[in-house]
Amino acid sequence: GNVSINVLPSDRPDSWIFQGRGELQLA
């Protein structure tokens, strides 16, 4: 439902990289 973010795999199997527009969106 949110086209302005990406979720990518990290170098660990139990964590992921969130990409967005700013700190408030992450918060």
PDB file of all heavy atoms in Angstrom:
ATOM      1  N   GLY A   1       0.785  -1.230   0.000  1.00  0.00           N
ATOM      2  CA  GLY A   1       0.000   0.000   0.000  1.00  0.00           C
ATOM      3  C   GLY A   1       0.810   1.269   0.000  1.00  0.00           C
ATOM      4  O   GLY A   1       0.256   2.363   0.028  1.00  0.00           O
ATOM      5  N   ASN A   2       2.135   1.179  -0.025  1.00  0.00           N
ATOM      6  CA  ASN A   2       2.968   2.377   0.047  1.00  0.00           C
ATOM      7  C   ASN A   2       4.026   2.327  -1.047  1.00  0.00           C
ATOM      8  O   ASN A   2       5.051   1.656  -0.908  1.00  0.00           O
ATOM      9  CB  ASN A   2       3.622   2.470   1.437  1.00  0.00           C
ATOM     10  CG  ASN A   2       4.214   3.834   1.690  1.00  0.00           C
ATOM     11  OD1 ASN A   2       4.490   4.592   0.773  1.00  0.00           O
ATOM     12  ND2 ASN A   2       4.419   4.162   2.951  1.00  0.00           N
ATOM     13  N   VAL A   3       3.782   3.040  -2.139  1.00  0.00           N
ATOM     14  CA  VAL A   3       4.689   2.969  -3.284  1.00  0.00           C
ATOM     15  C   VAL A   3       5.953   3.797  -3.084  1.00  0.00           C
ATOM     16  O   VAL A   3       6.876   3.713  -3.884  1.00  0.00           O
ATOM     17  CB  VAL A   3       3.982   3.443  -4.565  1.00  0.00           C
ATOM     18  CG1 VAL A   3       2.927   2.478  -4.992  1.00  0.00           C
ATOM     19  CG2 VAL A   3       3.417   4.847  -4.407  1.00  0.00           C
ATOM     20  N   SER A   4       6.012   4.631  -2.042  1.00  0.00           N
ATOM     21  CA  SER A   4       7.174   5.510  -1.872  1.00  0.00           C
ATOM     22  C   SER A   4       8.263   4.884  -1.010  1.00  0.00           C
ATOM     23  O   SER A   4       9.236   5.549  -0.668  1.00  0.00           O
ATOM     24  CB  SER A   4       6.738   6.854  -1.269  1.00  0.00           C
ATOM     25  OG  SER A   4       6.167   6.664   0.006  1.00  0.00           O
ATOM     26  N   ILE A   5       8.118   3.607  -0.621  1.00  0.00           N
ATOM     27  CA  ILE A   5       9.166   2.946   0.162  1.00  0.00           C
ATOM     28  C   ILE A   5       9.675   1.704  -0.571  1.00  0.00           C
ATOM     29  O   ILE A   5       9.013   1.157  -1.455  1.00  0.00           O
ATOM     30  CB  ILE A   5       8.673   2.548   1.570  1.00  0.00           C
ATOM     31  CG1 ILE A   5       7.614   1.427   1.489  1.00  0.00           C
ATOM     32  CG2 ILE A   5       8.137   3.742   2.334  1.00  0.00           C
ATOM     33  CD1 ILE A   5       7.297   0.794   2.839  1.00  0.00           C
ATOM     34  N   ASN A   6      10.881   1.278  -0.198  1.00  0.00           N
ATOM     35  CA  ASN A   6      11.461   0.017  -0.661  1.00  0.00           C
ATOM     36  C   ASN A   6      11.855  -0.796   0.563  1.00  0.00           C
ATOM     37  O   ASN A   6      12.214  -0.230   1.600  1.00  0.00           O
ATOM     38  CB  ASN A   6      12.725   0.255  -1.508  1.00  0.00           C
ATOM     39  CG  ASN A   6      12.408   0.904  -2.841  1.00  0.00           C
ATOM     40  OD1 ASN A   6      11.326   0.714  -3.377  1.00  0.00           O
ATOM     41  ND2 ASN A   6      13.342   1.679  -3.362  1.00  0.00           N
ATOM     42  N   VAL A   7      11.822  -2.114   0.451  1.00  0.00           N
ATOM     43  CA  VAL A   7      12.353  -3.001   1.490  1.00  0.00           C
ATOM     44  C   VAL A   7      13.318  -3.964   0.797  1.00  0.00           C
ATOM     45  O   VAL A   7      12.931  -4.709  -0.106  1.00  0.00           O
ATOM     46  CB  VAL A   7      11.228  -3.777   2.211  1.00  0.00           C
ATOM     47  CG1 VAL A   7      11.839  -4.765   3.210  1.00  0.00           C
ATOM     48  CG2 VAL A   7      10.297  -2.820   2.948  1.00  0.00           C
ATOM     49  N   LEU A   8      14.594  -3.921   1.215  1.00  0.00           N
ATOM     50  CA  LEU A   8      15.639  -4.720   0.579  1.00  0.00           C
ATOM     51  C   LEU A   8      16.238  -5.682   1.595  1.00  0.00           C
ATOM     52  O   LEU A   8      16.261  -5.389   2.798  1.00  0.00           O
ATOM     53  CB  LEU A   8      16.750  -3.810   0.032  1.00  0.00           C
ATOM     54  CG  LEU A   8      16.308  -2.667  -0.899  1.00  0.00           C
ATOM     55  CD1 LEU A   8      17.483  -1.752  -1.191  1.00  0.00           C
ATOM     56  CD2 LEU A   8      15.734  -3.227  -2.190  1.00  0.00           C
ATOM     57  N   PRO A   9      16.771  -6.832   1.141  1.00  0.00           N
ATOM     58  CA  PRO A   9      17.440  -7.742   2.085  1.00  0.00           C
ATOM     59  C   PRO A   9      18.761  -7.133   2.557  1.00  0.00           C
ATOM     60  O   PRO A   9      19.425  -6.406   1.813  1.00  0.00           O
ATOM     61  CB  PRO A   9      17.668  -9.009   1.249  1.00  0.00           C
ATOM     62  CG  PRO A   9      17.634  -8.542  -0.179  1.00  0.00           C
ATOM     63  CD  PRO A   9      16.716  -7.365  -0.226  1.00  0.00           C
ATOM     64  N   SER A  10      19.144  -7.411   3.809  1.00  0.00           N
ATOM     65  CA  SER A  10      20.438  -6.943   4.313  1.00  0.00           C
ATOM     66  C   SER A  10      21.419  -8.110   4.271  1.00  0.00           C
ATOM     67  O   SER A  10      21.108  -9.183   3.751  1.00  0.00           O
ATOM     68  CB  SER A  10      20.279  -6.417   5.744  1.00  0.00           C
ATOM     69  OG  SER A  10      20.078  -7.485   6.644  1.00  0.00           O
ATOM     70  N   ASP A  11      22.614  -7.919   4.846  1.00  0.00           N
ATOM     71  CA  ASP A  11      23.602  -9.001   4.842  1.00  0.00           C
ATOM     72  C   ASP A  11      23.328 -10.033   5.938  1.00  0.00           C
ATOM     73  O   ASP A  11      24.079 -10.981   6.094  1.00  0.00           O
ATOM     74  CB  ASP A  11      25.017  -8.430   4.988  1.00  0.00           C
ATOM     75  CG  ASP A  11      25.136  -7.492   6.197  1.00  0.00           C
ATOM     76  OD1 ASP A  11      24.142  -7.342   6.923  1.00  0.00           O
ATOM     77  OD2 ASP A  11      26.224  -6.905   6.389  1.00  0.00           O
ATOM     78  N   ARG A  12      22.229  -9.812   6.726  1.00  0.00           N
ATOM     79  CA  ARG A  12      21.833 -10.770   7.755  1.00  0.00           C
ATOM     80  C   ARG A  12      20.429 -11.288   7.451  1.00  0.00           C
ATOM     81  O   ARG A  12      19.578 -10.533   6.969  1.00  0.00           O
ATOM     82  CB  ARG A  12      21.856 -10.116   9.139  1.00  0.00           C
ATOM     83  CG  ARG A  12      23.243  -9.789   9.639  1.00  0.00           C
ATOM     84  CD  ARG A  12      23.192  -9.025  10.950  1.00  0.00           C
ATOM     85  NE  ARG A  12      22.290  -9.650  11.917  1.00  0.00           N
ATOM     86  CZ  ARG A  12      22.028  -9.114  13.101  1.00  0.00           C
ATOM     87  NH1 ARG A  12      22.550  -7.956  13.441  1.00  0.00           N
ATOM     88  NH2 ARG A  12      21.206  -9.733  13.933  1.00  0.00           N
ATOM     89  N   PRO A  13      20.146 -12.561   7.747  1.00  0.00           N
ATOM     90  CA  PRO A  13      18.824 -13.120   7.412  1.00  0.00           C
ATOM     91  C   PRO A  13      17.696 -12.624   8.313  1.00  0.00           C
ATOM     92  O   PRO A  13      16.526 -12.824   7.995  1.00  0.00           O
ATOM     93  CB  PRO A  13      19.028 -14.638   7.588  1.00  0.00           C
ATOM     94  CG  PRO A  13      20.150 -14.760   8.571  1.00  0.00           C
ATOM     95  CD  PRO A  13      21.048 -13.579   8.329  1.00  0.00           C
ATOM     96  N   ASP A  14      18.042 -11.989   9.458  1.00  0.00           N
ATOM     97  CA  ASP A  14      16.998 -11.567  10.396  1.00  0.00           C
ATOM     98  C   ASP A  14      16.783 -10.048  10.403  1.00  0.00           C
ATOM     99  O   ASP A  14      16.218  -9.497  11.339  1.00  0.00           O
ATOM    100  CB  ASP A  14      17.323 -12.057  11.818  1.00  0.00           C
ATOM    101  CG  ASP A  14      18.677 -11.552  12.313  1.00  0.00           C
ATOM    102  OD1 ASP A  14      19.345 -10.791  11.570  1.00  0.00           O
ATOM    103  OD2 ASP A  14      19.076 -11.907  13.441  1.00  0.00           O
ATOM    104  N   SER A  15      17.269  -9.346   9.363  1.00  0.00           N
ATOM    105  CA  SER A  15      17.048  -7.896   9.275  1.00  0.00           C
ATOM    106  C   SER A  15      16.895  -7.483   7.819  1.00  0.00           C
ATOM    107  O   SER A  15      17.361  -8.172   6.905  1.00  0.00           O
ATOM    108  CB  SER A  15      18.193  -7.125   9.941  1.00  0.00           C
ATOM    109  OG  SER A  15      19.407  -7.325   9.252  1.00  0.00           O
ATOM    110  N   TRP A  16      16.237  -6.322   7.615  1.00  0.00           N
ATOM    111  CA  TRP A  16      15.958  -5.818   6.275  1.00  0.00           C
ATOM    112  C   TRP A  16      16.235  -4.328   6.224  1.00  0.00           C
ATOM    113  O   TRP A  16      16.210  -3.638   7.253  1.00  0.00           O
ATOM    114  CB  TRP A  16      14.484  -6.101   5.908  1.00  0.00           C
ATOM    115  CG  TRP A  16      14.224  -7.553   5.771  1.00  0.00           C
ATOM    116  CD1 TRP A  16      14.275  -8.308   4.647  1.00  0.00           C
ATOM    117  CD2 TRP A  16      13.934  -8.459   6.843  1.00  0.00           C
ATOM    118  NE1 TRP A  16      14.032  -9.631   4.931  1.00  0.00           N
ATOM    119  CE2 TRP A  16      13.823  -9.755   6.287  1.00  0.00           C
ATOM    120  CE3 TRP A  16      13.764  -8.311   8.219  1.00  0.00           C
ATOM    121  CZ2 TRP A  16      13.542 -10.880   7.041  1.00  0.00           C
ATOM    122  CZ3 TRP A  16      13.498  -9.436   8.987  1.00  0.00           C
ATOM    123  CH2 TRP A  16      13.383 -10.706   8.395  1.00  0.00           C
ATOM    124  N   ILE A  17      16.488  -3.818   5.029  1.00  0.00           N
ATOM    125  CA  ILE A  17      16.787  -2.393   4.858  1.00  0.00           C
ATOM    126  C   ILE A  17      15.527  -1.686   4.383  1.00  0.00           C
ATOM    127  O   ILE A  17      14.988  -2.002   3.311  1.00  0.00           O
ATOM    128  CB  ILE A  17      17.939  -2.178   3.855  1.00  0.00           C
ATOM    129  CG1 ILE A  17      19.211  -2.827   4.383  1.00  0.00           C
ATOM    130  CG2 ILE A  17      18.171  -0.684   3.619  1.00  0.00           C
ATOM    131  CD1 ILE A  17      20.337  -2.900   3.364  1.00  0.00           C
ATOM    132  N   PHE A  18      15.035  -0.768   5.195  1.00  0.00           N
ATOM    133  CA  PHE A  18      13.888   0.070   4.843  1.00  0.00           C
ATOM    134  C   PHE A  18      14.408   1.329   4.164  1.00  0.00           C
ATOM    135  O   PHE A  18      15.338   1.974   4.649  1.00  0.00           O
ATOM    136  CB  PHE A  18      13.110   0.440   6.118  1.00  0.00           C
ATOM    137  CG  PHE A  18      12.141   1.590   5.935  1.00  0.00           C
ATOM    138  CD1 PHE A  18      10.828   1.368   5.566  1.00  0.00           C
ATOM    139  CD2 PHE A  18      12.551   2.910   6.126  1.00  0.00           C
ATOM    140  CE1 PHE A  18       9.945   2.423   5.389  1.00  0.00           C
ATOM    141  CE2 PHE A  18      11.677   3.968   5.962  1.00  0.00           C
ATOM    142  CZ  PHE A  18      10.372   3.727   5.592  1.00  0.00           C
ATOM    143  N   GLN A  19      13.818   1.678   3.010  1.00  0.00           N
ATOM    144  CA  GLN A  19      14.165   2.931   2.328  1.00  0.00           C
ATOM    145  C   GLN A  19      12.911   3.773   2.165  1.00  0.00           C
ATOM    146  O   GLN A  19      11.872   3.274   1.719  1.00  0.00           O
ATOM    147  CB  GLN A  19      14.772   2.661   0.945  1.00  0.00           C
ATOM    148  CG  GLN A  19      16.132   1.992   0.986  1.00  0.00           C
ATOM    149  CD  GLN A  19      16.735   1.834  -0.396  1.00  0.00           C
ATOM    150  OE1 GLN A  19      16.035   1.802  -1.409  1.00  0.00           O
ATOM    151  NE2 GLN A  19      18.047   1.731  -0.465  1.00  0.00           N
ATOM    152  N   GLY A  20      12.972   5.040   2.551  1.00  0.00           N
ATOM    153  CA  GLY A  20      11.816   5.926   2.465  1.00  0.00           C
ATOM    154  C   GLY A  20      12.225   7.368   2.246  1.00  0.00           C
ATOM    155  O   GLY A  20      13.361   7.662   1.874  1.00  0.00           O
ATOM    156  N   ARG A  21      11.269   8.283   2.512  1.00  0.00           N
ATOM    157  CA  ARG A  21      11.488   9.697   2.228  1.00  0.00           C
ATOM    158  C   ARG A  21      12.117  10.470   3.384  1.00  0.00           C
ATOM    159  O   ARG A  21      12.696  11.517   3.183  1.00  0.00           O
ATOM    160  CB  ARG A  21      10.148  10.355   1.876  1.00  0.00           C
ATOM    161  CG  ARG A  21       9.575   9.923   0.531  1.00  0.00           C
ATOM    162  CD  ARG A  21      10.282  10.638  -0.612  1.00  0.00           C
ATOM    163  NE  ARG A  21       9.674  10.318  -1.884  1.00  0.00           N
ATOM    164  CZ  ARG A  21       8.652  10.971  -2.402  1.00  0.00           C
ATOM    165  NH1 ARG A  21       8.103  11.964  -1.748  1.00  0.00           N
ATOM    166  NH2 ARG A  21       8.170  10.634  -3.575  1.00  0.00           N
ATOM    167  N   GLY A  22      11.954   9.996   4.636  1.00  0.00           N
ATOM    168  CA  GLY A  22      12.473  10.787   5.742  1.00  0.00           C
ATOM    169  C   GLY A  22      12.258  10.098   7.076  1.00  0.00           C
ATOM    170  O   GLY A  22      11.647   9.029   7.165  1.00  0.00           O
ATOM    171  N   GLU A  23      12.792  10.742   8.127  1.00  0.00           N
ATOM    172  CA  GLU A  23      12.717  10.166   9.470  1.00  0.00           C
ATOM    173  C   GLU A  23      11.278  10.000   9.951  1.00  0.00           C
ATOM    174  O   GLU A  23      10.958   9.040  10.638  1.00  0.00           O
ATOM    175  CB  GLU A  23      13.481  11.047  10.455  1.00  0.00           C
ATOM    176  CG  GLU A  23      14.992  10.875  10.391  1.00  0.00           C
ATOM    177  CD  GLU A  23      15.697  11.808  11.348  1.00  0.00           C
ATOM    178  OE1 GLU A  23      15.876  12.988  11.021  1.00  0.00           O
ATOM    179  OE2 GLU A  23      16.050  11.347  12.446  1.00  0.00           O
ATOM    180  N   LEU A  24      10.403  10.954   9.591  1.00  0.00           N
ATOM    181  CA  LEU A  24       9.016  10.858  10.064  1.00  0.00           C
ATOM    182  C   LEU A  24       8.313   9.657   9.460  1.00  0.00           C
ATOM    183  O   LEU A  24       7.565   8.949  10.133  1.00  0.00           O
ATOM    184  CB  LEU A  24       8.255  12.147   9.735  1.00  0.00           C
ATOM    185  CG  LEU A  24       6.792  12.175  10.196  1.00  0.00           C
ATOM    186  CD1 LEU A  24       6.696  12.022  11.712  1.00  0.00           C
ATOM    187  CD2 LEU A  24       6.108  13.467   9.759  1.00  0.00           C
ATOM    188  N   GLN A  25       8.560   9.379   8.180  1.00  0.00           N
ATOM    189  CA  GLN A  25       7.946   8.212   7.537  1.00  0.00           C
ATOM    190  C   GLN A  25       8.428   6.927   8.205  1.00  0.00           C
ATOM    191  O   GLN A  25       7.632   6.008   8.462  1.00  0.00           O
ATOM    192  CB  GLN A  25       8.290   8.202   6.043  1.00  0.00           C
ATOM    193  CG  GLN A  25       7.485   7.164   5.262  1.00  0.00           C
ATOM    194  CD  GLN A  25       7.856   7.132   3.799  1.00  0.00           C
ATOM    195  OE1 GLN A  25       9.002   7.349   3.430  1.00  0.00           O
ATOM    196  NE2 GLN A  25       6.883   6.854   2.942  1.00  0.00           N
ATOM    197  N   LEU A  26       9.733   6.851   8.526  1.00  0.00           N
ATOM    198  CA  LEU A  26      10.270   5.697   9.232  1.00  0.00           C
ATOM    199  C   LEU A  26       9.649   5.588  10.631  1.00  0.00           C
ATOM    200  O   LEU A  26       9.236   4.508  11.058  1.00  0.00           O
ATOM    201  CB  LEU A  26      11.797   5.826   9.337  1.00  0.00           C
ATOM    202  CG  LEU A  26      12.517   4.827  10.243  1.00  0.00           C
ATOM    203  CD1 LEU A  26      12.349   3.407   9.712  1.00  0.00           C
ATOM    204  CD2 LEU A  26      13.995   5.176  10.373  1.00  0.00           C
ATOM    205  N   ALA A  27       9.546   6.737  11.334  1.00  0.00           N
ATOM    206  CA  ALA A  27       8.996   6.733  12.698  1.00  0.00           C
ATOM    207  C   ALA A  27       7.539   6.286  12.702  1.00  0.00           C
ATOM    208  O   ALA A  27       7.111   5.555  13.602  1.00  0.00           O
ATOM    209  CB  ALA A  27       9.124   8.125  13.312  1.00  0.00           C
TER     210      ALA A  27
END
